[in-house]
Amino acid sequence: MKRRRPDVQYLLCVRNGSFLASLQVRRLYERLPDKDADLHGLVRVVDESGEDYLYPRELFADLDVPRTVARALVR
C-alpha cells in the first residue's frame, strides 16, 4: 500500500532576526507539525542546514500554496 504524505505546509521568512546563517528572508521553508512548539509561539521548520529547528513564529508569514505547486516543491 502506498503511503500518502500529509499536506506539506510552507512558511515565508519575513525576518531572520539573529538567525542570519540559518534563515534567508523571502525564502520558503517547510513547516513541520509540532503542537508543543505552537503553544510556545514557535514553529518547527527545515532550515538552511537541512535539519529541522524551532524558530520564533513572528519571523514567518503563512502561505497558501496550491497543491500543484506544493507537489513541485516536494520533488
N, C-alpha and C. Protein backbone atom coordinates (compact mmCIF):
# COMPACT_ATOMS: atom_id res chain seq x y z
N MET A 1 0.84 -1.18 0.00
CA MET A 1 0.00 0.00 0.00
C MET A 1 0.89 1.24 0.00
N LYS A 2 0.56 2.18 -0.85
CA LYS A 2 1.34 3.41 -0.96
C LYS A 2 0.98 4.37 0.17
N ARG A 3 2.00 4.89 0.83
CA ARG A 3 1.76 5.86 1.90
C ARG A 3 1.56 7.25 1.30
N ARG A 4 0.59 7.94 1.82
CA ARG A 4 0.35 9.31 1.39
C ARG A 4 1.05 10.26 2.34
N ARG A 5 1.76 11.18 1.79
CA ARG A 5 2.42 12.20 2.61
C ARG A 5 1.37 13.23 3.00
N PRO A 6 1.34 13.61 4.28
CA PRO A 6 0.36 14.62 4.68
C PRO A 6 0.64 15.92 3.93
N ASP A 7 -0.38 16.75 3.86
CA ASP A 7 -0.20 18.04 3.19
C ASP A 7 0.98 18.79 3.78
N VAL A 8 1.88 19.20 2.92
CA VAL A 8 3.06 19.94 3.35
C VAL A 8 2.67 21.40 3.49
N GLN A 9 3.12 22.03 4.56
CA GLN A 9 2.86 23.45 4.76
C GLN A 9 4.16 24.22 4.59
N TYR A 10 4.03 25.41 4.03
CA TYR A 10 5.19 26.26 3.81
C TYR A 10 4.98 27.61 4.49
N LEU A 11 6.08 28.16 4.96
CA LEU A 11 6.09 29.49 5.56
C LEU A 11 7.07 30.35 4.78
N LEU A 12 6.79 31.64 4.72
CA LEU A 12 7.69 32.59 4.09
C LEU A 12 8.45 33.31 5.20
N CYS A 13 9.77 33.30 5.13
CA CYS A 13 10.58 34.01 6.11
C CYS A 13 10.50 35.51 5.80
N VAL A 14 10.01 36.30 6.74
CA VAL A 14 9.89 37.74 6.54
C VAL A 14 10.96 38.52 7.31
N ARG A 15 11.58 37.86 8.28
CA ARG A 15 12.70 38.43 9.05
C ARG A 15 13.55 37.26 9.52
N ASN A 16 14.86 37.49 9.64
CA ASN A 16 15.69 36.39 10.15
C ASN A 16 16.30 36.71 11.51
N GLY A 17 16.01 37.87 12.06
CA GLY A 17 16.45 38.20 13.41
C GLY A 17 17.92 37.90 13.62
N SER A 18 18.22 37.13 14.64
CA SER A 18 19.61 36.78 14.94
C SER A 18 20.02 35.45 14.31
N PHE A 19 19.20 34.96 13.37
CA PHE A 19 19.46 33.67 12.73
C PHE A 19 19.96 33.86 11.29
N LEU A 20 20.94 34.74 11.12
CA LEU A 20 21.41 35.12 9.79
C LEU A 20 21.92 33.95 8.97
N ALA A 21 22.59 33.00 9.58
CA ALA A 21 23.15 31.86 8.85
C ALA A 21 22.11 30.76 8.61
N SER A 22 21.02 30.77 9.39
CA SER A 22 20.05 29.68 9.33
C SER A 22 18.83 29.98 8.47
N LEU A 23 18.47 31.27 8.38
CA LEU A 23 17.26 31.66 7.67
C LEU A 23 17.55 32.77 6.67
N GLN A 24 16.93 32.68 5.50
CA GLN A 24 17.06 33.71 4.49
C GLN A 24 15.70 34.38 4.30
N VAL A 25 15.70 35.70 4.37
CA VAL A 25 14.47 36.45 4.18
C VAL A 25 13.97 36.23 2.74
N ARG A 26 12.66 36.15 2.58
CA ARG A 26 11.96 35.93 1.31
C ARG A 26 12.12 34.51 0.77
N ARG A 27 12.50 33.58 1.61
CA ARG A 27 12.63 32.19 1.20
C ARG A 27 11.52 31.36 1.82
N LEU A 28 11.06 30.33 1.10
CA LEU A 28 10.05 29.40 1.61
C LEU A 28 10.72 28.34 2.46
N TYR A 29 10.08 28.01 3.58
CA TYR A 29 10.56 26.95 4.44
C TYR A 29 9.43 25.98 4.72
N GLU A 30 9.76 24.70 4.74
CA GLU A 30 8.78 23.68 5.05
C GLU A 30 8.51 23.69 6.55
N ARG A 31 7.24 23.73 6.91
CA ARG A 31 6.85 23.70 8.32
C ARG A 31 6.51 22.27 8.69
N LEU A 32 7.04 21.84 9.81
CA LEU A 32 6.74 20.51 10.32
C LEU A 32 5.78 20.65 11.50
N PRO A 33 4.83 19.74 11.63
CA PRO A 33 3.87 19.84 12.75
C PRO A 33 4.57 19.67 14.10
N ASP A 34 4.23 20.53 15.04
CA ASP A 34 4.78 20.45 16.39
C ASP A 34 3.84 21.22 17.32
N LYS A 35 2.90 20.51 17.93
CA LYS A 35 1.90 21.16 18.78
C LYS A 35 2.52 21.85 19.99
N ASP A 36 3.55 21.26 20.58
CA ASP A 36 4.21 21.89 21.73
C ASP A 36 4.85 23.21 21.34
N ALA A 37 5.47 23.24 20.18
CA ALA A 37 6.09 24.48 19.70
C ALA A 37 5.03 25.56 19.51
N ASP A 38 3.91 25.18 18.91
CA ASP A 38 2.82 26.14 18.68
C ASP A 38 2.37 26.79 19.99
N LEU A 39 2.31 26.01 21.05
CA LEU A 39 1.87 26.53 22.35
C LEU A 39 2.82 27.59 22.91
N HIS A 40 4.07 27.55 22.45
CA HIS A 40 5.08 28.48 22.95
C HIS A 40 5.45 29.56 21.95
N GLY A 41 4.64 29.73 20.90
CA GLY A 41 4.90 30.78 19.92
C GLY A 41 6.08 30.48 19.00
N LEU A 42 6.34 29.18 18.80
CA LEU A 42 7.45 28.76 17.95
C LEU A 42 6.92 27.93 16.79
N VAL A 43 7.73 27.80 15.74
CA VAL A 43 7.42 26.91 14.63
C VAL A 43 8.64 26.05 14.35
N ARG A 44 8.39 24.84 13.89
CA ARG A 44 9.48 23.93 13.52
C ARG A 44 9.59 23.95 12.00
N VAL A 45 10.75 24.38 11.50
CA VAL A 45 10.97 24.43 10.06
C VAL A 45 12.28 23.75 9.70
N VAL A 46 12.37 23.30 8.46
CA VAL A 46 13.61 22.76 7.92
C VAL A 46 14.38 23.96 7.39
N ASP A 47 15.51 24.27 8.03
CA ASP A 47 16.25 25.48 7.68
C ASP A 47 17.36 25.21 6.67
N GLU A 48 18.27 26.17 6.51
CA GLU A 48 19.34 26.08 5.53
C GLU A 48 20.28 24.90 5.76
N SER A 49 20.34 24.39 6.97
CA SER A 49 21.21 23.25 7.27
C SER A 49 20.60 21.94 6.78
N GLY A 50 19.31 21.98 6.44
CA GLY A 50 18.61 20.76 6.04
C GLY A 50 18.01 20.02 7.22
N GLU A 51 18.22 20.54 8.41
CA GLU A 51 17.67 19.94 9.64
C GLU A 51 16.49 20.78 10.11
N ASP A 52 15.65 20.19 10.96
CA ASP A 52 14.52 20.96 11.49
C ASP A 52 14.87 21.53 12.85
N TYR A 53 14.49 22.79 13.03
CA TYR A 53 14.75 23.52 14.27
C TYR A 53 13.54 24.39 14.61
N LEU A 54 13.49 24.83 15.85
CA LEU A 54 12.43 25.73 16.30
C LEU A 54 12.88 27.17 16.14
N TYR A 55 11.94 28.01 15.65
CA TYR A 55 12.20 29.44 15.48
C TYR A 55 10.99 30.21 15.97
N PRO A 56 11.17 31.47 16.35
CA PRO A 56 10.02 32.30 16.74
C PRO A 56 9.03 32.44 15.59
N ARG A 57 7.77 32.29 15.91
CA ARG A 57 6.69 32.34 14.91
C ARG A 57 6.68 33.66 14.15
N GLU A 58 7.03 34.76 14.81
CA GLU A 58 6.91 36.08 14.19
C GLU A 58 7.92 36.31 13.05
N LEU A 59 8.84 35.40 12.85
CA LEU A 59 9.79 35.53 11.74
C LEU A 59 9.20 35.06 10.42
N PHE A 60 7.99 34.47 10.45
CA PHE A 60 7.41 33.85 9.27
C PHE A 60 5.99 34.32 9.00
N ALA A 61 5.60 34.25 7.74
CA ALA A 61 4.22 34.50 7.32
C ALA A 61 3.67 33.21 6.72
N ASP A 62 2.39 32.94 6.98
CA ASP A 62 1.73 31.76 6.40
C ASP A 62 1.53 31.96 4.91
N LEU A 63 1.61 30.86 4.18
CA LEU A 63 1.35 30.89 2.73
C LEU A 63 0.37 29.79 2.38
N ASP A 64 -0.58 30.12 1.52
CA ASP A 64 -1.45 29.11 0.94
C ASP A 64 -0.84 28.74 -0.41
N VAL A 65 -0.24 27.57 -0.46
CA VAL A 65 0.43 27.11 -1.68
C VAL A 65 -0.51 26.12 -2.37
N PRO A 66 -0.84 26.37 -3.65
CA PRO A 66 -1.69 25.41 -4.37
C PRO A 66 -1.04 24.02 -4.40
N ARG A 67 -1.85 22.98 -4.43
CA ARG A 67 -1.35 21.61 -4.39
C ARG A 67 -0.34 21.33 -5.51
N THR A 68 -0.61 21.85 -6.69
CA THR A 68 0.31 21.59 -7.80
C THR A 68 1.69 22.19 -7.52
N VAL A 69 1.71 23.36 -6.91
CA VAL A 69 2.98 24.00 -6.56
C VAL A 69 3.65 23.21 -5.42
N ALA A 70 2.88 22.80 -4.42
CA ALA A 70 3.43 22.04 -3.30
C ALA A 70 4.05 20.74 -3.80
N ARG A 71 3.38 20.07 -4.74
CA ARG A 71 3.94 18.84 -5.29
C ARG A 71 5.27 19.09 -5.98
N ALA A 72 5.36 20.18 -6.71
CA ALA A 72 6.62 20.52 -7.40
C ALA A 72 7.72 20.83 -6.40
N LEU A 73 7.38 21.46 -5.28
CA LEU A 73 8.38 21.80 -4.26
C LEU A 73 8.89 20.57 -3.54
N VAL A 74 8.06 19.56 -3.38
CA VAL A 74 8.44 18.34 -2.67
C VAL A 74 9.40 17.51 -3.50
N ARG A 75 9.28 17.58 -4.80
CA ARG A 75 10.13 16.77 -5.69
C ARG A 75 11.55 17.13 -5.61
